[in-house]
C-alpha atoms as a PDB file:
ATOM      1  CA  MET A   1      38.681   7.817 145.268  1.00  0.00           C
ATOM      2  CA  PRO A   2      40.715   9.398 142.410  1.00  0.00           C
ATOM      3  CA  GLN A   3      43.700  11.621 142.802  1.00  0.00           C
ATOM      4  CA  LEU A   4      43.549  15.261 141.906  1.00  0.00           C
ATOM      5  CA  ASP A   5      45.919  16.064 139.140  1.00  0.00           C
ATOM      6  CA  THR A   6      47.927  19.092 140.081  1.00  0.00           C
ATOM      7  CA  SER A   7      50.632  18.952 137.260  1.00  0.00           C
ATOM      8  CA  THR A   8      49.042  21.830 135.365  1.00  0.00           C
ATOM      9  CA  TRP A   9      48.550  24.117 138.255  1.00  0.00           C
ATOM     10  CA  PHE A  10      51.873  25.915 138.065  1.00  0.00           C
ATOM     11  CA  ILE A  11      51.639  26.852 134.485  1.00  0.00           C
ATOM     12  CA  THR A  12      48.042  27.998 134.967  1.00  0.00           C
ATOM     13  CA  ILE A  13      48.861  30.107 137.988  1.00  0.00           C
ATOM     14  CA  LEU A  14      51.950  31.563 136.283  1.00  0.00           C
ATOM     15  CA  SER A  15      50.201  32.271 133.003  1.00  0.00           C
ATOM     16  CA  SER A  16      47.258  33.999 134.879  1.00  0.00           C
ATOM     17  CA  LEU A  17      49.664  36.132 136.936  1.00  0.00           C
ATOM     18  CA  ILE A  18      51.589  37.272 133.821  1.00  0.00           C
ATOM     19  CA  THR A  19      48.348  38.037 132.122  1.00  0.00           C
ATOM     20  CA  LEU A  20      47.226  40.240 135.127  1.00  0.00           C
ATOM     21  CA  PHE A  21      50.333  41.976 135.195  1.00  0.00           C
ATOM     22  CA  ILE A  22      50.175  42.859 131.622  1.00  0.00           C
ATOM     23  CA  LEU A  23      46.619  44.017 131.762  1.00  0.00           C
ATOM     24  CA  PHE A  24      47.560  46.212 134.757  1.00  0.00           C
ATOM     25  CA  GLN A  25      50.427  47.847 133.000  1.00  0.00           C
ATOM     26  CA  LEU A  26      48.381  48.455 130.044  1.00  0.00           C
ATOM     27  CA  LYS A  27      45.631  49.943 132.118  1.00  0.00           C
ATOM     28  CA  ILE A  28      48.168  52.126 134.093  1.00  0.00           C
ATOM     29  CA  SER A  29      50.081  53.352 130.918  1.00  0.00           C
ATOM     30  CA  THR A  30      46.984  54.694 129.346  1.00  0.00           C
ATOM     31  CA  GLN A  31      46.056  56.831 132.313  1.00  0.00           C
ATOM     32  CA  THR A  32      46.924  60.560 132.168  1.00  0.00           C
ATOM     33  CA  PHE A  33      48.244  62.078 135.191  1.00  0.00           C
ATOM     34  CA  PRO A  34      48.173  65.793 135.941  1.00  0.00           C
ATOM     35  CA  THR A  35      51.420  67.736 135.448  1.00  0.00           C
ATOM     36  CA  PRO A  36      53.341  68.767 138.525  1.00  0.00           C
ATOM     37  CA  PRO A  37      52.735  72.379 139.481  1.00  0.00           C
ATOM     38  CA  SER A  38      55.336  74.760 138.336  1.00  0.00           C
ATOM     39  CA  PRO A  39      56.823  77.138 140.839  1.00  0.00           C
ATOM     40  CA  LYS A  40      55.105  80.573 140.959  1.00  0.00           C
ATOM     41  CA  ILE A  41      57.352  83.553 140.605  1.00  0.00           C
ATOM     42  CA  MET A  42      56.265  85.885 143.319  1.00  0.00           C
ATOM     43  CA  THR A  43      57.129  89.595 143.085  1.00  0.00           C
ATOM     44  CA  THR A  44      57.769  91.166 146.467  1.00  0.00           C
ATOM     45  CA  GLN A  45      56.423  94.625 146.811  1.00  0.00           C
ATOM     46  CA  LYS A  46      58.330  96.942 148.869  1.00  0.00           C
ATOM     47  CA  THR A  47      56.297  98.950 151.545  1.00  0.00           C
ATOM     48  CA  LYS A  48      57.365 102.376 152.351  1.00  0.00           C
ATOM     49  CA  THR A  49      57.868 102.948 156.089  1.00  0.00           C
ATOM     50  CA  PRO A  50      57.959 106.358 157.506  1.00  0.00           C
ATOM     51  CA  TRP A  51      61.566 106.071 158.759  1.00  0.00           C
ATOM     52  CA  GLU A  52      62.934 105.116 155.372  1.00  0.00           C
ATOM     53  CA  SER A  53      62.157 108.674 153.876  1.00  0.00           C
ATOM     54  CA  LYS A  54      64.074 110.343 156.627  1.00  0.00           C
ATOM     55  CA  TRP A  55      67.700 110.339 157.514  1.00  0.00           C
ATOM     56  CA  THR A  56      68.350 108.562 160.869  1.00  0.00           C
ATOM     57  CA  LYS A  57      71.417 107.857 162.805  1.00  0.00           C
ATOM     58  CA  ILE A  58      71.439 105.300 165.612  1.00  0.00           C
ATOM     59  CA  TYR A  59      73.901 106.353 168.444  1.00  0.00           C
ATOM     60  CA  SER A  60      75.249 103.430 170.435  1.00  0.00           C
ATOM     61  CA  PRO A  61      76.386 104.096 173.971  1.00  0.00           C
ATOM     62  CA  LEU A  62      79.982 103.339 172.987  1.00  0.00           C
ATOM     63  CA  SER A  63      80.262 105.734 170.085  1.00  0.00           C
ATOM     64  CA  SER A  64      79.185 108.699 172.278  1.00  0.00           C
ATOM     65  CA  PRO A  65      81.885 111.263 173.075  1.00  0.00           C
ATOM     66  CA  GLN A  66      84.184 110.730 175.925  1.00  0.00           C
ATOM     67  CA  GLN A  67      83.409 112.830 179.022  1.00  0.00           C
END
């Protein structure tokens, strides 16, 4: 029974891996990816509340006149 010659296996596997790597790199490099989203500038609308148009003063218990 003849022996299997494995002397060329290393170079065959190595060259095929390098070829696959190059092919995948070329395939990925030609792919176009979407641009990342840019931040949207939000303008806040100030809502008018009824107490903003009037002058109000909050009296705290400590600031009341002494009795």
